[in-house]
Protein backbone atom coordinates (compact mmCIF):
# COMPACT_ATOMS: atom_id res chain seq x y z
CA MET A 1 91.55 98.63 107.11
CA LYS A 2 90.21 98.99 110.76
CA ILE A 3 91.81 95.48 111.38
CA ARG A 4 95.23 95.37 113.24
CA THR A 5 97.41 92.34 114.14
CA GLY A 6 96.81 91.66 117.43
CA ASP A 7 92.77 92.61 117.84
CA THR A 8 90.66 89.91 118.96
CA VAL A 9 88.29 89.51 115.87
CA THR A 10 84.96 86.61 115.67
CA VAL A 11 84.41 85.23 112.21
CA LEU A 12 81.23 86.13 110.54
CA SER A 13 81.03 84.04 107.48
CA GLY A 14 82.60 80.04 106.16
CA LYS A 15 83.28 77.12 107.66
CA ASP A 16 84.78 78.53 110.89
CA LYS A 17 81.14 81.03 111.55
CA GLY A 18 81.10 81.80 115.04
CA LYS A 19 84.55 81.13 116.17
CA THR A 20 86.97 83.91 117.53
CA GLY A 21 90.60 84.33 117.58
CA LYS A 22 93.25 86.36 117.25
CA VAL A 23 95.01 88.39 114.10
CA VAL A 24 98.36 87.09 113.54
CA LYS A 25 98.83 88.93 110.10
CA VAL A 26 97.27 91.64 107.96
CA ILE A 27 97.75 91.59 104.21
CA THR A 28 96.71 94.55 103.31
CA ASP A 29 96.94 94.54 99.52
CA SER A 30 94.37 91.80 99.04
CA ASN A 31 92.40 92.56 102.45
CA ARG A 32 92.47 89.51 104.17
CA VAL A 33 93.71 88.68 107.76
CA VAL A 34 95.29 85.58 108.76
CA VAL A 35 93.58 84.05 112.39
CA GLU A 36 95.13 82.21 114.84
CA GLY A 37 93.11 78.47 114.76
CA ILE A 38 90.88 79.41 112.23
CA ASN A 39 90.74 78.27 108.01
CA ILE A 40 92.84 75.76 109.14
CA VAL A 41 94.22 73.50 105.65
CA THR A 42 95.80 70.20 104.99
CA LYS A 43 99.11 70.78 102.69
CA HIS A 44 101.38 67.71 101.54
CA VAL A 45 104.77 68.62 101.10
CA LYS A 46 107.14 66.29 98.83
CA LYS A 47 110.34 65.39 100.05
CA GLN A 48 113.17 67.31 99.13
CA GLY A 49 116.22 65.66 99.67
CA THR A 50 117.42 64.65 103.15
CA THR A 51 113.92 65.78 104.26
CA PRO A 52 111.12 63.86 104.64
CA GLY A 53 107.85 64.37 103.17
CA GLN A 54 105.38 65.33 105.66
CA ILE A 55 101.76 66.67 105.86
CA VAL A 56 101.46 70.21 107.71
CA LYS A 57 98.11 71.86 109.13
CA MET A 58 98.78 75.82 108.50
CA GLU A 59 96.10 78.79 108.78
CA LYS A 60 94.78 80.27 105.32
CA SER A 61 93.80 83.86 105.13
CA ILE A 62 90.55 84.77 104.65
CA ASP A 63 88.29 87.93 103.87
CA ALA A 64 88.79 90.85 106.00
CA SER A 65 84.91 91.44 105.38
CA ASN A 66 84.44 88.25 106.69
CA VAL A 67 85.67 89.22 110.35
CA ALA A 68 84.07 91.67 113.01
CA LEU A 69 86.37 92.99 115.86
CA GLU A 70 84.84 91.47 119.14
CA CYS A 71 84.01 94.32 121.76
CA PRO A 72 85.82 93.35 125.08
CA ILE A 73 82.69 93.97 126.88
CA THR A 74 79.83 92.52 125.35
CA LYS A 75 81.84 89.69 124.24
CA LYS A 76 80.03 89.69 120.71
CA PRO A 77 81.33 91.11 116.91
CA THR A 78 80.73 95.17 116.73
CA ARG A 79 81.53 97.80 113.83
CA ILE A 80 84.21 100.03 114.95
CA GLY A 81 84.96 103.54 114.41
CA PHE A 82 87.43 106.62 114.88
CA VAL A 83 86.81 109.66 117.07
CA THR A 84 88.90 112.11 117.91
CA ILE A 85 89.31 112.19 122.20
CA GLU A 86 90.85 115.94 123.20
CA GLU A 87 93.42 114.70 125.67
CA LYS A 88 94.19 110.75 124.06
CA GLY A 89 94.18 111.85 120.35
CA LYS A 90 92.53 109.55 116.98
CA THR A 91 91.75 106.04 118.21
CA LYS A 92 89.02 103.59 117.61
CA LYS A 93 86.00 102.88 119.28
CA PHE A 94 83.35 100.21 118.95
CA ARG A 95 79.50 101.55 117.70
CA TYR A 96 77.29 99.72 120.24
CA SER A 97 79.20 100.28 123.53
CA LYS A 98 80.63 103.64 122.67
CA GLN A 99 83.99 102.33 124.87
CA ALA A 100 87.31 103.46 123.07
CA VAL A 101 89.80 100.37 121.79
CA LYS A 102 93.14 100.94 123.97
CA LEU A 103 95.81 101.44 121.95
CA GLU A 104 99.54 100.79 122.46
CA LYS A 105 101.18 104.58 122.62
CA LYS A 106 98.35 106.38 123.37
CA PRO A 107 95.96 104.33 126.41
CA ALA A 108 92.26 105.42 126.22
CA LYS A 109 91.47 104.61 130.02
CA ASP A 110 87.80 103.89 130.30
CA CYS A 111 87.00 106.99 128.20
CA VAL A 112 83.63 106.64 127.18
CA ILE A 113 81.99 108.36 124.01
CA LYS A 114 78.71 109.91 123.65
């Protein structure tokens, strides 16, 4: 899966189509992601002991194929690929803007791949 925790993604289909948010959790077993502020559902929790019953709003996971990484330059959803830069190592790059994605351990400063 090319999407990681902390990436900014755009929802491509479903009830929240067109909205953007940050990935909170990635579930690789079922190929799903939890996005902040997307796919909000209401859950009724029954009272247990001294805890009162309540209505909780929570984020549910959506399929990873329904989201696309948002390019920080064009602010549009874009596909990504992997490329090896000699001095930086393996990194992700955006398909259309050809800008390298900055990784936490190996920053790819303004690396434009042709």
